[in-house]
Amino acid sequence: MSPPHGDLSAPQAETIQSEAGFQMTMGFKEFVAFIACLMALNALAIDIMLPALPNIGASLGADVHERQTVLTVYMFGFGIAQLLFGPLADAFGRKKVLIPGLVLYIASGIGCVYAFGFDSLLVARFLQGVGAAAIRVIAVSIVRDCYGGRRMASVMSLAMIVFIGVPILAPSLGALILLSWPWPVVFFALVIGGLIMLSWTILRLPETLAPEDKAPLSFARITKDYLFALTTRVSLGYMLAMGFAMGAFFGFLNSAQLIYEEHYELGTFFTVAFAVNAAFLAIASLVNSRIVERLGMRIISHGAILAITLINALHLIVALAGLDSFIVFMVFQSASLFCAGLIIPNCNALAMEPLGHMAGTGSSALGFVTTTLGALLGYFIGQAYDDTTVPVAAGYALCGLISLTIIFVTERGRLFKAGH
């Protein structure tokens, strides 16, 4: 197996290019931007349609809780399909799997635009999640092909600065579209984003999987690799911990439009409040990229999970006491999303670190566990919405406590340091 590249500078990029036989190559800045934009397609598909949920419900006859499934079915398609694309990426290469995934993302986006009923919209959204699964698996696999350890966490954090800019801007973009066009045009924006990334992939992406690292596509090999990924203590532990953290985050996303627009009666200012909260994810990613190589992934991720648990335990007490307000919610939610911005890239890198020799399948296992677990927990948190912020705060606090417990067991009783 080829060792991960410590830096994708021009000479190393040329090495990747020459091994794979491609004539085009990416420098470091373009590489980070490309990965960020790939990941952003998923965030765009989640967040741009949040302001459109009431319009979708009114147009297609879905009530307040049913319209949340527009997000949930996407996440299930996104989570489950990752099991397929990892082995394919390890067998055939990253680019040959990424291009069909982008084509499916675009085609299903067109299906959302022309949906003739709520059920057909859900089918199209599920398929769009399947296409996004290929995109996500390949993005993480490409980074793991080129980087390892703290450097991988740093690169992921840099990519997430751009990636998280999408949740800040996407709801505002969706709301802006709704001022002049009907809700299907919101999904057409996803089609445009997919076409841009498809063109960029075809024209600029080299094959990052070295020829000697290609694995045969056989049931025995795939089963063996998945068993390895799901029985390796560190990988499984951080997958589960990240899954519970993602569950709390998805619970917030499922409830965001109801909390901002209806509970706090913000109306069109919902997108502004959401952007302020989401900005703290981007700030955390920038901070993490600066400190992770010095402090290490464990110190940062363990501290952030502990912090998000305590922050939301306090928020829960405040909410139950009837002392919650819009300003209080904004403060607690911004702090929670800052912690999430430290948890996600570091737990991701820690889970992937033992799986470098099978990055595609490893990325699939990671994505399946974290996304399906997160989507399931997020669904229940969202369905528990009762016109208060109590379910969101309780979801964060409980999921954070479970995540911390899983990490405590994974590291054999040692927090902030690797277990023996």
Protein backbone atom coordinates (compact mmCIF):
# COMPACT_ATOMS: atom_id res chain seq x y z
CA MET A 1 0.00 0.00 0.00
CA SER A 2 1.22 3.49 -0.78
CA PRO A 3 1.73 5.62 2.33
CA PRO A 4 -0.57 8.62 2.76
CA HIS A 5 0.90 11.83 1.45
CA GLY A 6 1.76 14.31 4.16
CA ASP A 7 1.21 17.32 1.91
CA LEU A 8 -0.36 17.56 -1.51
CA SER A 9 2.15 20.03 -2.86
CA ALA A 10 2.83 20.20 -6.58
CA PRO A 11 5.51 17.45 -6.73
CA GLN A 12 3.38 15.01 -4.72
CA ALA A 13 0.29 15.84 -6.73
CA GLU A 14 2.29 14.99 -9.86
CA THR A 15 3.21 11.64 -8.29
CA ILE A 16 -0.47 10.79 -7.85
CA GLN A 17 -1.15 11.91 -11.38
CA SER A 18 1.65 9.86 -12.89
CA GLU A 19 0.66 6.67 -11.03
CA ALA A 20 -2.93 6.93 -12.23
CA GLY A 21 -2.09 8.10 -15.73
CA PHE A 22 -4.11 11.34 -15.64
CA GLN A 23 -2.75 14.46 -17.31
CA MET A 24 -4.36 16.93 -14.90
CA THR A 25 -3.45 17.46 -11.26
CA MET A 26 -4.56 19.53 -8.28
CA GLY A 27 -2.51 21.71 -5.99
CA PHE A 28 -3.20 21.82 -2.27
CA LYS A 29 -5.60 24.78 -2.33
CA GLU A 30 -7.64 23.38 -5.19
CA PHE A 31 -7.67 19.97 -3.51
CA VAL A 32 -9.12 21.39 -0.28
CA ALA A 33 -11.64 23.48 -2.22
CA PHE A 34 -12.71 20.46 -4.29
CA ILE A 35 -13.22 18.26 -1.21
CA ALA A 36 -15.11 21.06 0.54
CA CYS A 37 -17.44 21.59 -2.41
CA LEU A 38 -18.10 17.86 -2.73
CA MET A 39 -19.06 17.71 0.94
CA ALA A 40 -21.10 20.90 0.55
CA LEU A 41 -23.45 19.19 -1.93
CA ASN A 42 -24.75 17.11 0.97
CA ALA A 43 -25.17 20.13 3.25
CA LEU A 44 -26.88 22.04 0.45
CA ALA A 45 -29.38 19.20 -0.07
CA ILE A 46 -30.23 19.29 3.64
CA ASP A 47 -30.40 23.01 4.39
CA ILE A 48 -31.59 24.83 1.28
CA MET A 49 -35.07 23.36 1.50
CA LEU A 50 -35.68 24.17 5.21
CA PRO A 51 -37.51 27.45 4.45
CA ALA A 52 -39.56 25.63 1.82
CA LEU A 53 -40.98 22.99 4.18
CA PRO A 54 -44.21 24.91 4.92
CA ASN A 55 -44.70 25.51 1.17
CA ILE A 56 -44.07 21.84 0.40
CA GLY A 57 -46.51 20.77 3.12
CA ALA A 58 -49.22 23.14 1.90
CA SER A 59 -48.71 22.18 -1.75
CA LEU A 60 -48.52 18.40 -1.31
CA GLY A 61 -50.79 17.94 1.72
CA ALA A 62 -48.21 17.08 4.44
CA ASP A 63 -48.68 18.15 8.06
CA VAL A 64 -46.03 19.63 10.40
CA HIS A 65 -44.50 16.28 11.38
CA GLU A 66 -44.84 14.60 7.98
CA ARG A 67 -42.87 17.31 6.19
CA GLN A 68 -39.86 16.53 8.43
CA THR A 69 -39.55 13.26 6.50
CA VAL A 70 -38.31 15.23 3.48
CA LEU A 71 -35.05 15.45 5.44
CA THR A 72 -35.28 12.05 7.15
CA VAL A 73 -35.69 9.91 4.00
CA TYR A 74 -32.77 11.73 2.40
CA MET A 75 -30.60 10.90 5.41
CA PHE A 76 -31.61 7.23 5.35
CA GLY A 77 -30.77 6.95 1.64
CA PHE A 78 -27.52 8.75 2.34
CA GLY A 79 -26.62 6.45 5.22
CA ILE A 80 -27.61 3.04 3.89
CA ALA A 81 -26.15 3.45 0.38
CA GLN A 82 -22.69 4.18 1.72
CA LEU A 83 -22.30 0.46 2.39
CA LEU A 84 -22.34 -0.10 -1.38
CA PHE A 85 -20.05 2.66 -2.61
CA GLY A 86 -17.04 2.03 -0.39
CA PRO A 87 -16.25 -1.46 -1.76
CA LEU A 88 -16.90 -0.19 -5.30
CA ALA A 89 -14.47 2.68 -4.74
CA ASP A 90 -11.81 0.30 -3.41
CA ALA A 91 -12.27 -2.02 -6.41
CA PHE A 92 -12.64 0.40 -9.33
CA GLY A 93 -11.13 3.65 -8.08
CA ARG A 94 -12.53 6.88 -6.70
CA LYS A 95 -13.35 8.75 -9.90
CA LYS A 96 -15.24 5.90 -11.57
CA VAL A 97 -17.64 5.76 -8.62
CA LEU A 98 -17.88 9.50 -7.98
CA ILE A 99 -19.14 10.36 -11.49
CA PRO A 100 -22.20 8.01 -11.40
CA GLY A 101 -22.97 9.27 -7.88
CA LEU A 102 -23.01 12.86 -9.12
CA VAL A 103 -25.21 11.88 -12.08
CA LEU A 104 -27.74 10.23 -9.70
CA TYR A 105 -27.67 13.31 -7.43
CA ILE A 106 -28.49 15.51 -10.44
CA ALA A 107 -31.18 13.21 -11.87
CA SER A 108 -32.96 12.82 -8.53
CA GLY A 109 -32.82 16.59 -8.07
CA ILE A 110 -34.73 16.89 -11.33
CA GLY A 111 -37.16 14.31 -9.92
CA CYS A 112 -37.74 16.57 -6.88
CA VAL A 113 -38.44 19.52 -9.18
CA TYR A 114 -41.13 17.61 -11.08
CA ALA A 115 -42.56 15.61 -8.13
CA PHE A 116 -46.32 15.15 -8.65
CA GLY A 117 -47.11 14.22 -5.03
CA PHE A 118 -45.58 13.99 -1.55
CA ASP A 119 -44.75 10.29 -1.94
CA SER A 120 -42.96 10.87 -5.25
CA LEU A 121 -40.98 13.70 -3.63
CA LEU A 122 -39.89 11.34 -0.85
CA VAL A 123 -38.76 8.73 -3.41
CA ALA A 124 -36.72 11.35 -5.27
CA ARG A 125 -35.22 12.60 -2.00
CA PHE A 126 -34.27 9.05 -1.00
CA LEU A 127 -32.50 8.55 -4.35
CA GLN A 128 -30.79 11.91 -3.97
CA GLY A 129 -29.48 10.67 -0.63
CA VAL A 130 -28.14 7.57 -2.39
CA GLY A 131 -26.28 9.75 -4.89
CA ALA A 132 -24.94 11.94 -2.09
CA ALA A 133 -23.68 8.79 -0.34
CA ALA A 134 -21.27 8.11 -3.20
CA ILE A 135 -20.09 11.72 -3.05
CA ARG A 136 -19.47 11.57 0.69
CA VAL A 137 -17.68 8.21 0.62
CA ILE A 138 -15.37 9.31 -2.18
CA ALA A 139 -14.59 12.67 -0.55
CA VAL A 140 -13.42 11.03 2.69
CA SER A 141 -11.61 8.25 0.78
CA ILE A 142 -9.67 10.77 -1.31
CA VAL A 143 -8.55 12.65 1.79
CA ARG A 144 -7.50 9.39 3.47
CA ASP A 145 -5.63 8.36 0.31
CA CYS A 146 -3.51 11.49 0.60
CA TYR A 147 -3.29 12.17 4.36
CA GLY A 148 -3.22 10.45 7.72
CA GLY A 149 -3.41 11.26 11.42
CA ARG A 150 -3.55 14.84 12.66
CA ARG A 151 -2.80 16.14 9.16
CA MET A 152 -5.97 14.46 7.91
CA ALA A 153 -7.98 16.12 10.70
CA SER A 154 -6.44 19.46 9.77
CA VAL A 155 -7.30 19.06 6.07
CA MET A 156 -10.86 17.99 6.95
CA SER A 157 -11.23 21.07 9.14
CA LEU A 158 -10.05 23.36 6.34
CA ALA A 159 -12.52 21.71 3.98
CA MET A 160 -15.29 22.07 6.54
CA ILE A 161 -14.81 25.84 6.70
CA VAL A 162 -16.18 25.99 3.15
CA PHE A 163 -18.54 23.06 3.75
CA ILE A 164 -20.11 24.76 6.76
CA GLY A 165 -20.46 28.02 4.86
CA VAL A 166 -23.28 26.24 3.01
CA PRO A 167 -25.55 25.82 6.07
CA ILE A 168 -24.98 29.52 6.79
CA LEU A 169 -26.05 30.62 3.32
CA ALA A 170 -28.30 27.80 2.07
CA PRO A 171 -31.48 28.65 4.03
CA SER A 172 -31.14 32.29 2.95
CA LEU A 173 -30.69 31.15 -0.65
CA GLY A 174 -33.79 28.98 -0.33
CA ALA A 175 -35.78 31.85 1.14
CA LEU A 176 -34.55 34.18 -1.61
CA ILE A 177 -35.66 31.71 -4.29
CA LEU A 178 -39.09 31.46 -2.66
CA LEU A 179 -39.58 35.20 -2.98
CA SER A 180 -39.80 34.90 -6.77
CA TRP A 181 -40.38 31.23 -7.64
CA PRO A 182 -42.32 28.21 -6.34
CA TRP A 183 -40.69 25.67 -4.04
CA PRO A 184 -39.58 23.19 -6.81
CA VAL A 185 -37.03 25.78 -7.97
CA VAL A 186 -35.26 25.33 -4.61
CA PHE A 187 -34.40 21.78 -5.66
CA PHE A 188 -33.26 22.98 -9.08
CA ALA A 189 -30.42 24.79 -7.27
CA LEU A 190 -29.17 21.33 -6.22
CA VAL A 191 -29.14 20.28 -9.87
CA ILE A 192 -26.94 23.26 -10.74
CA GLY A 193 -24.55 22.48 -7.88
CA GLY A 194 -24.31 18.86 -9.01
CA LEU A 195 -23.56 19.87 -12.60
CA ILE A 196 -20.74 22.16 -11.46
CA MET A 197 -19.09 19.40 -9.41
CA LEU A 198 -19.56 16.84 -12.20
CA SER A 199 -17.69 19.13 -14.61
CA TRP A 200 -14.94 19.81 -12.04
CA THR A 201 -14.54 16.08 -11.40
CA ILE A 202 -14.29 15.15 -15.07
CA LEU A 203 -11.83 17.91 -15.90
CA ARG A 204 -9.56 18.10 -12.85
CA LEU A 205 -9.71 15.10 -10.49
CA PRO A 206 -6.84 12.60 -10.73
CA GLU A 207 -7.26 9.03 -9.50
CA THR A 208 -5.92 9.02 -5.91
CA LEU A 209 -6.21 5.26 -5.36
CA ALA A 210 -2.85 3.71 -6.18
CA PRO A 211 -3.10 0.70 -8.55
CA GLU A 212 -1.55 -1.65 -5.98
CA ASP A 213 -4.22 -0.66 -3.43
CA LYS A 214 -7.17 -1.74 -5.58
CA ALA A 215 -9.05 -4.59 -3.93
CA PRO A 216 -10.98 -7.36 -5.71
CA LEU A 217 -14.75 -6.98 -5.68
CA SER A 218 -15.71 -10.18 -3.91
CA PHE A 219 -18.24 -10.96 -1.20
CA ALA A 220 -15.57 -12.58 0.98
CA ARG A 221 -13.26 -9.56 0.78
CA ILE A 222 -16.06 -7.05 1.40
CA THR A 223 -17.35 -9.04 4.38
CA LYS A 224 -13.84 -9.30 5.80
CA ASP A 225 -13.23 -5.55 5.44
CA TYR A 226 -16.56 -4.59 7.01
CA LEU A 227 -15.96 -6.97 9.88
CA PHE A 228 -12.54 -5.40 10.39
CA ALA A 229 -13.97 -1.88 10.37
CA LEU A 230 -16.82 -2.78 12.72
CA THR A 231 -14.72 -4.81 15.17
CA THR A 232 -11.68 -2.54 15.40
CA ARG A 233 -12.12 -1.02 18.85
CA VAL A 234 -11.08 2.56 18.08
CA SER A 235 -12.91 2.74 14.75
CA LEU A 236 -16.21 1.34 16.05
CA GLY A 237 -16.05 3.36 19.25
CA TYR A 238 -15.61 6.67 17.48
CA MET A 239 -18.20 5.74 14.83
CA LEU A 240 -20.81 5.20 17.56
CA ALA A 241 -19.77 8.28 19.52
CA MET A 242 -19.99 10.41 16.38
CA GLY A 243 -23.34 8.82 15.48
CA PHE A 244 -24.91 9.93 18.77
CA ALA A 245 -23.43 13.41 18.37
CA MET A 246 -24.85 13.58 14.84
CA GLY A 247 -28.22 12.41 16.19
CA ALA A 248 -28.45 15.48 18.40
CA PHE A 249 -27.44 17.70 15.49
CA PHE A 250 -30.04 16.15 13.14
CA GLY A 251 -32.64 16.57 15.87
CA PHE A 252 -31.88 20.29 15.86
CA LEU A 253 -32.09 20.42 12.04
CA ASN A 254 -35.46 18.63 12.06
CA SER A 255 -36.79 21.12 14.60
CA ALA A 256 -35.05 24.29 13.40
CA GLN A 257 -37.75 25.65 11.12
CA LEU A 258 -40.45 25.03 13.74
CA ILE A 259 -38.42 26.57 16.57
CA TYR A 260 -37.31 29.68 14.70
CA GLU A 261 -40.38 30.41 12.57
CA GLU A 262 -43.22 29.21 14.79
CA HIS A 263 -42.02 29.04 18.41
CA TYR A 264 -40.09 32.32 18.29
CA GLU A 265 -42.26 33.75 15.48
CA LEU A 266 -39.27 34.99 13.44
CA GLY A 267 -40.92 34.49 10.07
CA THR A 268 -38.48 35.29 7.26
CA PHE A 269 -35.79 36.20 9.81
CA PHE A 270 -35.47 32.47 10.49
CA THR A 271 -32.65 32.25 7.94
CA VAL A 272 -30.69 35.02 9.68
CA ALA A 273 -30.88 33.32 13.09
CA PHE A 274 -29.98 29.96 11.54
CA ALA A 275 -26.98 31.53 9.80
CA VAL A 276 -25.71 33.05 13.05
CA ASN A 277 -25.84 29.65 14.76
CA ALA A 278 -24.27 27.82 11.81
CA ALA A 279 -21.42 30.34 11.69
CA PHE A 280 -20.11 28.85 14.93
CA LEU A 281 -19.60 25.53 13.14
CA ALA A 282 -17.34 27.29 10.64
CA ILE A 283 -15.48 29.15 13.40
CA ALA A 284 -14.87 25.86 15.24
CA SER A 285 -13.53 24.24 12.08
CA LEU A 286 -11.08 27.11 11.56
CA VAL A 287 -9.97 26.90 15.19
CA ASN A 288 -9.57 23.12 14.93
CA SER A 289 -7.41 23.37 11.80
CA ARG A 290 -5.04 25.65 13.74
CA ILE A 291 -4.76 23.63 16.96
CA VAL A 292 -5.32 19.96 16.13
CA GLU A 293 -1.75 19.23 15.00
CA ARG A 294 -0.46 20.68 18.26
CA LEU A 295 -3.01 19.37 20.78
CA GLY A 296 -4.16 16.17 19.10
CA MET A 297 -7.56 14.83 18.14
CA ARG A 298 -8.39 13.17 21.44
CA ILE A 299 -7.93 16.19 23.69
CA ILE A 300 -10.09 18.34 21.43
CA SER A 301 -12.88 15.83 20.68
CA HIS A 302 -13.18 14.54 24.25
CA GLY A 303 -13.27 18.07 25.63
CA ALA A 304 -15.87 19.15 23.08
CA ILE A 305 -18.18 16.20 23.84
CA LEU A 306 -17.91 16.87 27.57
CA ALA A 307 -18.65 20.56 26.95
CA ILE A 308 -21.68 19.95 24.70
CA THR A 309 -23.15 17.61 27.34
CA LEU A 310 -22.76 20.12 30.17
CA ILE A 311 -23.94 23.07 28.05
CA ASN A 312 -27.17 21.33 27.12
CA ALA A 313 -27.78 19.90 30.59
CA LEU A 314 -27.80 23.52 31.74
CA HIS A 315 -30.00 24.52 28.78
CA LEU A 316 -32.45 21.75 29.68
CA ILE A 317 -32.68 23.02 33.27
CA VAL A 318 -33.27 26.57 32.02
CA ALA A 319 -35.94 25.42 29.54
CA LEU A 320 -37.77 23.28 32.10
CA ALA A 321 -37.76 26.22 34.52
CA GLY A 322 -39.55 28.32 31.90
CA LEU A 323 -36.62 30.75 31.63
CA ASP A 324 -35.83 30.05 27.98
CA SER A 325 -35.98 32.89 25.47
CA PHE A 326 -34.81 33.54 21.92
CA ILE A 327 -31.52 35.07 23.13
CA VAL A 328 -30.93 32.23 25.60
CA PHE A 329 -31.60 29.65 22.89
CA MET A 330 -29.23 31.41 20.47
CA VAL A 331 -26.43 31.43 23.05
CA PHE A 332 -26.81 27.77 23.98
CA GLN A 333 -27.27 26.65 20.36
CA SER A 334 -24.24 28.62 19.13
CA ALA A 335 -22.11 27.04 21.86
CA SER A 336 -23.44 23.58 20.96
CA LEU A 337 -22.67 24.00 17.26
CA PHE A 338 -19.18 25.28 18.09
CA CYS A 339 -18.59 22.04 20.01
CA ALA A 340 -20.04 20.01 17.12
CA GLY A 341 -17.54 21.69 14.78
CA LEU A 342 -14.74 20.28 16.96
CA ILE A 343 -16.30 16.84 17.43
CA ILE A 344 -17.10 15.88 13.83
CA PRO A 345 -13.69 16.23 12.05
CA ASN A 346 -11.70 14.77 14.94
CA CYS A 347 -13.94 11.77 15.59
CA ASN A 348 -14.04 11.22 11.83
CA ALA A 349 -10.24 11.16 11.63
CA LEU A 350 -9.87 8.95 14.71
CA ALA A 351 -12.36 6.41 13.32
CA MET A 352 -10.60 6.35 9.93
CA GLU A 353 -7.03 6.20 11.25
CA PRO A 354 -6.85 2.37 11.55
CA LEU A 355 -8.59 1.90 8.19
CA GLY A 356 -6.12 3.50 5.77
CA HIS A 357 -5.54 0.25 3.86
CA MET A 358 -9.29 0.04 3.09
CA ALA A 359 -10.27 3.70 3.05
CA GLY A 360 -13.27 3.26 0.74
CA THR A 361 -14.90 0.47 2.73
CA GLY A 362 -13.85 2.12 5.98
CA SER A 363 -15.45 5.37 4.91
CA SER A 364 -18.62 3.45 3.99
CA ALA A 365 -18.80 1.80 7.39
CA LEU A 366 -18.21 5.14 9.11
CA GLY A 367 -20.83 6.91 7.02
CA PHE A 368 -23.41 4.14 7.44
CA VAL A 369 -23.09 3.97 11.22
CA THR A 370 -22.95 7.71 11.87
CA THR A 371 -25.62 8.74 9.36
CA THR A 372 -28.24 6.04 9.94
CA LEU A 373 -27.83 6.22 13.72
CA GLY A 374 -27.87 10.01 13.57
CA ALA A 375 -30.91 10.10 11.26
CA LEU A 376 -32.85 7.69 13.45
CA LEU A 377 -32.11 9.62 16.65
CA GLY A 378 -32.74 12.94 14.89
CA TYR A 379 -36.11 11.70 13.67
CA PHE A 380 -37.27 10.86 17.19
CA ILE A 381 -35.97 14.15 18.58
CA GLY A 382 -37.74 16.04 15.81
CA GLN A 383 -41.00 14.12 16.33
CA ALA A 384 -40.84 14.99 20.04
CA TYR A 385 -41.14 18.71 19.23
CA ASP A 386 -43.77 20.20 21.58
CA ASP A 387 -43.52 23.93 20.84
CA THR A 388 -40.62 24.24 23.31
CA THR A 389 -36.84 23.83 23.07
CA VAL A 390 -36.87 21.05 25.70
CA PRO A 391 -36.61 18.10 23.21
CA VAL A 392 -33.61 19.65 21.42
CA ALA A 393 -31.76 20.45 24.65
CA ALA A 394 -32.55 17.01 26.09
CA GLY A 395 -31.43 15.35 22.86
CA TYR A 396 -28.07 17.12 22.91
CA ALA A 397 -27.49 16.39 26.61
CA LEU A 398 -28.45 12.70 26.45
CA CYS A 399 -26.63 11.99 23.17
CA GLY A 400 -23.56 13.82 24.47
CA LEU A 401 -23.54 11.76 27.66
CA ILE A 402 -23.84 8.51 25.70
CA SER A 403 -21.05 9.62 23.33
CA LEU A 404 -18.77 10.40 26.26
CA THR A 405 -19.51 7.01 27.83
CA ILE A 406 -18.73 5.19 24.57
CA ILE A 407 -15.40 7.01 24.26
CA PHE A 408 -14.58 6.23 27.92
CA VAL A 409 -15.09 2.52 27.18
CA THR A 410 -13.28 2.72 23.81
CA GLU A 411 -10.19 4.32 25.37
CA ARG A 412 -10.29 1.85 28.30
CA GLY A 413 -11.08 4.44 30.93
CA ARG A 414 -8.71 7.13 29.69
CA LEU A 415 -10.16 10.40 28.44
CA PHE A 416 -8.01 13.01 26.64
CA LYS A 417 -5.33 10.35 26.02
CA ALA A 418 -5.15 7.18 23.95
CA GLY A 419 -6.06 4.05 25.88
CA HIS A 420 -3.56 1.22 26.20
